Amino acid sequence: MKKILIAYDGSDNGRKALLKGKELAEKFLADVIILYVVDDQLNRIYSHRQTIPYTDRILQKIGEEMIKDSLDYFKGYQGNVYPVTRTGNPAAVIIETAEEENVDLVFMGSRGLSRVQKILIGSVSNKVANYSNISVVIVK
């Protein structure tokens, strides 16, 4: 185990994924990539509404804050930690980044969507687990 990607979204399960990912990374002194994806779908939705002034800059700032938050969990870690923020469809970006970086394992939290939400939109973790060629650990 040389490299682990942890997809972080700021949720409670995302934090649990950070901790589980760190736990495994420490055993192998693996490099860790912490990835936050700015969902470009949110930007398209909110840019059409005058009442919610989301912009690329604001969404990017949120991503930077998420990464800053996630790095607190890795204080004192002896290996390399690489924070990454990207924009796009979260599932696609996670899969692409994992493959580009040639990681051995992806950690991510489960969002706990309702059955109706899963049917209508699907979950990011489900999409990553089903379409990635790399093993995925989904943390609850």
C-alpha atoms as a PDB file:
ATOM      1  CA  MET A   1       0.000   0.000   0.000  1.00  0.00           C
ATOM      2  CA  LYS A   2       1.830   3.070  -1.278  1.00  0.00           C
ATOM      3  CA  LYS A   3      -0.841   5.670  -1.972  1.00  0.00           C
ATOM      4  CA  ILE A   4      -4.348   6.292  -0.634  1.00  0.00           C
ATOM      5  CA  LEU A   5      -6.944   8.782  -1.815  1.00  0.00           C
ATOM      6  CA  ILE A   6      -9.464  10.061   0.712  1.00  0.00           C
ATOM      7  CA  ALA A   7     -12.451  11.855  -0.800  1.00  0.00           C
ATOM      8  CA  TYR A   8     -13.598  14.388   1.793  1.00  0.00           C
ATOM      9  CA  ASP A   9     -16.882  16.274   1.766  1.00  0.00           C
ATOM     10  CA  GLY A  10     -17.019  17.716   5.287  1.00  0.00           C
ATOM     11  CA  SER A  11     -19.743  15.317   6.475  1.00  0.00           C
ATOM     12  CA  ASP A  12     -19.551  13.207   9.630  1.00  0.00           C
ATOM     13  CA  ASN A  13     -18.979  10.104   7.527  1.00  0.00           C
ATOM     14  CA  GLY A  14     -16.352  12.014   5.559  1.00  0.00           C
ATOM     15  CA  ARG A  15     -14.511  12.677   8.814  1.00  0.00           C
ATOM     16  CA  LYS A  16     -14.770   9.000   9.708  1.00  0.00           C
ATOM     17  CA  ALA A  17     -13.273   8.174   6.298  1.00  0.00           C
ATOM     18  CA  LEU A  18     -10.373  10.537   7.053  1.00  0.00           C
ATOM     19  CA  LEU A  19      -9.694   8.745  10.322  1.00  0.00           C
ATOM     20  CA  LYS A  20      -9.946   5.251   8.820  1.00  0.00           C
ATOM     21  CA  GLY A  21      -7.788   6.282   5.877  1.00  0.00           C
ATOM     22  CA  LYS A  22      -5.190   7.761   8.189  1.00  0.00           C
ATOM     23  CA  GLU A  23      -5.214   4.622  10.332  1.00  0.00           C
ATOM     24  CA  LEU A  24      -4.388   2.417   7.346  1.00  0.00           C
ATOM     25  CA  ALA A  25      -1.925   4.910   5.861  1.00  0.00           C
ATOM     26  CA  GLU A  26       0.029   4.980   9.139  1.00  0.00           C
ATOM     27  CA  LYS A  27       0.505   1.217   9.002  1.00  0.00           C
ATOM     28  CA  PHE A  28       2.129   1.450   5.577  1.00  0.00           C
ATOM     29  CA  LEU A  29       3.448   5.029   5.777  1.00  0.00           C
ATOM     30  CA  ALA A  30       1.539   5.555   2.544  1.00  0.00           C
ATOM     31  CA  ASP A  31       1.212   8.827   0.696  1.00  0.00           C
ATOM     32  CA  VAL A  32      -2.245  10.322   1.192  1.00  0.00           C
ATOM     33  CA  ILE A  33      -4.194  12.470  -1.237  1.00  0.00           C
ATOM     34  CA  ILE A  34      -7.101  14.304   0.366  1.00  0.00           C
ATOM     35  CA  LEU A  35      -9.527  15.295  -2.363  1.00  0.00           C
ATOM     36  CA  TYR A  36     -12.382  17.767  -2.103  1.00  0.00           C
ATOM     37  CA  VAL A  37     -14.547  18.124  -5.192  1.00  0.00           C
ATOM     38  CA  VAL A  38     -16.381  21.374  -5.848  1.00  0.00           C
ATOM     39  CA  ASP A  39     -19.583  20.094  -7.421  1.00  0.00           C
ATOM     40  CA  ASP A  40     -20.012  22.065 -10.650  1.00  0.00           C
ATOM     41  CA  GLN A  41     -23.663  21.000 -10.735  1.00  0.00           C
ATOM     42  CA  LEU A  42     -24.257  23.193  -7.673  1.00  0.00           C
ATOM     43  CA  ASN A  43     -22.751  26.143  -9.477  1.00  0.00           C
ATOM     44  CA  ARG A  44     -25.031  25.631 -12.483  1.00  0.00           C
ATOM     45  CA  ILE A  45     -28.113  25.336 -10.265  1.00  0.00           C
ATOM     46  CA  TYR A  46     -27.354  28.344  -8.086  1.00  0.00           C
ATOM     47  CA  SER A  47     -26.081  30.603 -10.842  1.00  0.00           C
ATOM     48  CA  HIS A  48     -29.628  30.675 -12.279  1.00  0.00           C
ATOM     49  CA  ARG A  49     -31.129  31.831  -8.972  1.00  0.00           C
ATOM     50  CA  GLN A  50     -30.679  35.419  -7.910  1.00  0.00           C
ATOM     51  CA  THR A  51     -31.485  34.578  -4.274  1.00  0.00           C
ATOM     52  CA  ILE A  52     -28.486  32.307  -3.719  1.00  0.00           C
ATOM     53  CA  PRO A  53     -25.329  34.064  -4.924  1.00  0.00           C
ATOM     54  CA  TYR A  54     -22.978  31.101  -5.311  1.00  0.00           C
ATOM     55  CA  THR A  55     -20.066  31.747  -7.622  1.00  0.00           C
ATOM     56  CA  ASP A  56     -17.026  29.771  -8.642  1.00  0.00           C
ATOM     57  CA  ARG A  57     -14.979  31.814  -6.185  1.00  0.00           C
ATOM     58  CA  ILE A  58     -17.287  31.077  -3.259  1.00  0.00           C
ATOM     59  CA  LEU A  59     -17.468  27.364  -4.048  1.00  0.00           C
ATOM     60  CA  GLN A  60     -13.681  27.243  -4.386  1.00  0.00           C
ATOM     61  CA  LYS A  61     -13.353  28.983  -0.995  1.00  0.00           C
ATOM     62  CA  ILE A  62     -15.619  26.350   0.560  1.00  0.00           C
ATOM     63  CA  GLY A  63     -13.355  23.679  -0.928  1.00  0.00           C
ATOM     64  CA  GLU A  64     -10.276  25.342   0.518  1.00  0.00           C
ATOM     65  CA  GLU A  65     -11.914  25.425   3.956  1.00  0.00           C
ATOM     66  CA  MET A  66     -12.811  21.742   3.678  1.00  0.00           C
ATOM     67  CA  ILE A  67      -9.222  20.874   2.809  1.00  0.00           C
ATOM     68  CA  LYS A  68      -7.914  23.010   5.673  1.00  0.00           C
ATOM     69  CA  ASP A  69     -10.312  21.193   8.014  1.00  0.00           C
ATOM     70  CA  SER A  70      -9.203  17.796   6.732  1.00  0.00           C
ATOM     71  CA  LEU A  71      -5.494  18.558   7.188  1.00  0.00           C
ATOM     72  CA  ASP A  72      -6.072  19.026  10.926  1.00  0.00           C
ATOM     73  CA  TYR A  73      -6.697  15.276  11.123  1.00  0.00           C
ATOM     74  CA  PHE A  74      -3.213  14.610   9.732  1.00  0.00           C
ATOM     75  CA  LYS A  75      -1.165  16.737  12.100  1.00  0.00           C
ATOM     76  CA  GLY A  76       1.842  14.697  13.119  1.00  0.00           C
ATOM     77  CA  TYR A  77       1.464  12.215  10.272  1.00  0.00           C
ATOM     78  CA  GLN A  78       4.903  10.970   9.224  1.00  0.00           C
ATOM     79  CA  GLY A  79       4.056  10.359   5.550  1.00  0.00           C
ATOM     80  CA  ASN A  80       3.261  12.753   2.724  1.00  0.00           C
ATOM     81  CA  VAL A  81      -0.163  14.373   2.551  1.00  0.00           C
ATOM     82  CA  TYR A  82      -1.294  16.116  -0.613  1.00  0.00           C
ATOM     83  CA  PRO A  83      -4.415  18.291  -0.428  1.00  0.00           C
ATOM     84  CA  VAL A  84      -6.274  18.597  -3.733  1.00  0.00           C
ATOM     85  CA  THR A  85      -9.369  20.598  -4.686  1.00  0.00           C
ATOM     86  CA  ARG A  86     -10.964  19.985  -8.070  1.00  0.00           C
ATOM     87  CA  THR A  87     -14.185  21.042  -9.760  1.00  0.00           C
ATOM     88  CA  GLY A  88     -16.605  18.761 -11.587  1.00  0.00           C
ATOM     89  CA  ASN A  89     -18.963  15.874 -11.087  1.00  0.00           C
ATOM     90  CA  PRO A  90     -17.835  14.426  -7.725  1.00  0.00           C
ATOM     91  CA  ALA A  91     -18.006  10.730  -8.684  1.00  0.00           C
ATOM     92  CA  ALA A  92     -16.246  11.282 -12.007  1.00  0.00           C
ATOM     93  CA  VAL A  93     -13.545  13.482 -10.475  1.00  0.00           C
ATOM     94  CA  ILE A  94     -12.862  11.006  -7.665  1.00  0.00           C
ATOM     95  CA  ILE A  95     -12.504   8.140 -10.145  1.00  0.00           C
ATOM     96  CA  GLU A  96     -10.339  10.187 -12.541  1.00  0.00           C
ATOM     97  CA  THR A  97      -8.071  11.450  -9.759  1.00  0.00           C
ATOM     98  CA  ALA A  98      -7.648   7.970  -8.275  1.00  0.00           C
ATOM     99  CA  GLU A  99      -6.662   6.581 -11.663  1.00  0.00           C
ATOM    100  CA  GLU A 100      -4.398   9.526 -12.594  1.00  0.00           C
ATOM    101  CA  GLU A 101      -2.592   9.292  -9.265  1.00  0.00           C
ATOM    102  CA  ASN A 102      -2.395   5.498  -9.435  1.00  0.00           C
ATOM    103  CA  VAL A 103      -3.687   5.066  -5.889  1.00  0.00           C
ATOM    104  CA  ASP A 104      -4.061   1.685  -4.262  1.00  0.00           C
ATOM    105  CA  LEU A 105      -7.264   2.439  -2.371  1.00  0.00           C
ATOM    106  CA  VAL A 106      -9.996   5.082  -2.127  1.00  0.00           C
ATOM    107  CA  PHE A 107     -11.671   5.972   1.172  1.00  0.00           C
ATOM    108  CA  MET A 108     -14.896   7.935   1.269  1.00  0.00           C
ATOM    109  CA  GLY A 109     -17.862   8.462   3.533  1.00  0.00           C
ATOM    110  CA  SER A 110     -21.377   7.278   2.871  1.00  0.00           C
ATOM    111  CA  ARG A 111     -23.835  10.149   2.658  1.00  0.00           C
ATOM    112  CA  GLY A 112     -26.745   8.094   3.945  1.00  0.00           C
ATOM    113  CA  LEU A 113     -29.247   9.045   1.269  1.00  0.00           C
ATOM    114  CA  SER A 114     -32.851   7.917   1.575  1.00  0.00           C
ATOM    115  CA  ARG A 115     -34.107   5.186  -0.757  1.00  0.00           C
ATOM    116  CA  VAL A 116     -35.899   7.750  -2.894  1.00  0.00           C
ATOM    117  CA  GLN A 117     -32.771   9.928  -3.182  1.00  0.00           C
ATOM    118  CA  LYS A 118     -30.683   6.897  -4.138  1.00  0.00           C
ATOM    119  CA  ILE A 119     -33.155   5.960  -6.862  1.00  0.00           C
ATOM    120  CA  LEU A 120     -33.470   9.494  -8.220  1.00  0.00           C
ATOM    121  CA  ILE A 121     -29.892  10.762  -8.034  1.00  0.00           C
ATOM    122  CA  GLY A 122     -27.771   7.874  -6.829  1.00  0.00           C
ATOM    123  CA  SER A 123     -25.018   8.345  -4.322  1.00  0.00           C
ATOM    124  CA  VAL A 124     -21.508   9.465  -5.108  1.00  0.00           C
ATOM    125  CA  SER A 125     -20.031   6.605  -3.102  1.00  0.00           C
ATOM    126  CA  ASN A 126     -22.187   4.079  -4.965  1.00  0.00           C
ATOM    127  CA  LYS A 127     -21.098   5.468  -8.334  1.00  0.00           C
ATOM    128  CA  VAL A 128     -17.429   5.446  -7.351  1.00  0.00           C
ATOM    129  CA  ALA A 129     -17.630   1.907  -5.973  1.00  0.00           C
ATOM    130  CA  ASN A 130     -19.388   0.621  -9.089  1.00  0.00           C
ATOM    131  CA  TYR A 131     -17.370   2.402 -11.778  1.00  0.00           C
ATOM    132  CA  SER A 132     -13.865   2.634 -10.347  1.00  0.00           C
ATOM    133  CA  ASN A 133     -11.195   0.088 -11.234  1.00  0.00           C
ATOM    134  CA  ILE A 134      -9.639   0.795  -7.840  1.00  0.00           C
ATOM    135  CA  SER A 135     -10.877  -0.689  -4.575  1.00  0.00           C
ATOM    136  CA  VAL A 136     -13.118   1.624  -2.548  1.00  0.00           C
ATOM    137  CA  VAL A 137     -13.771   1.654   1.186  1.00  0.00           C
ATOM    138  CA  ILE A 138     -17.071   3.334   2.082  1.00  0.00           C
ATOM    139  CA  VAL A 139     -17.173   4.410   5.713  1.00  0.00           C
ATOM    140  CA  LYS A 140     -20.403   4.851   7.715  1.00  0.00           C
END
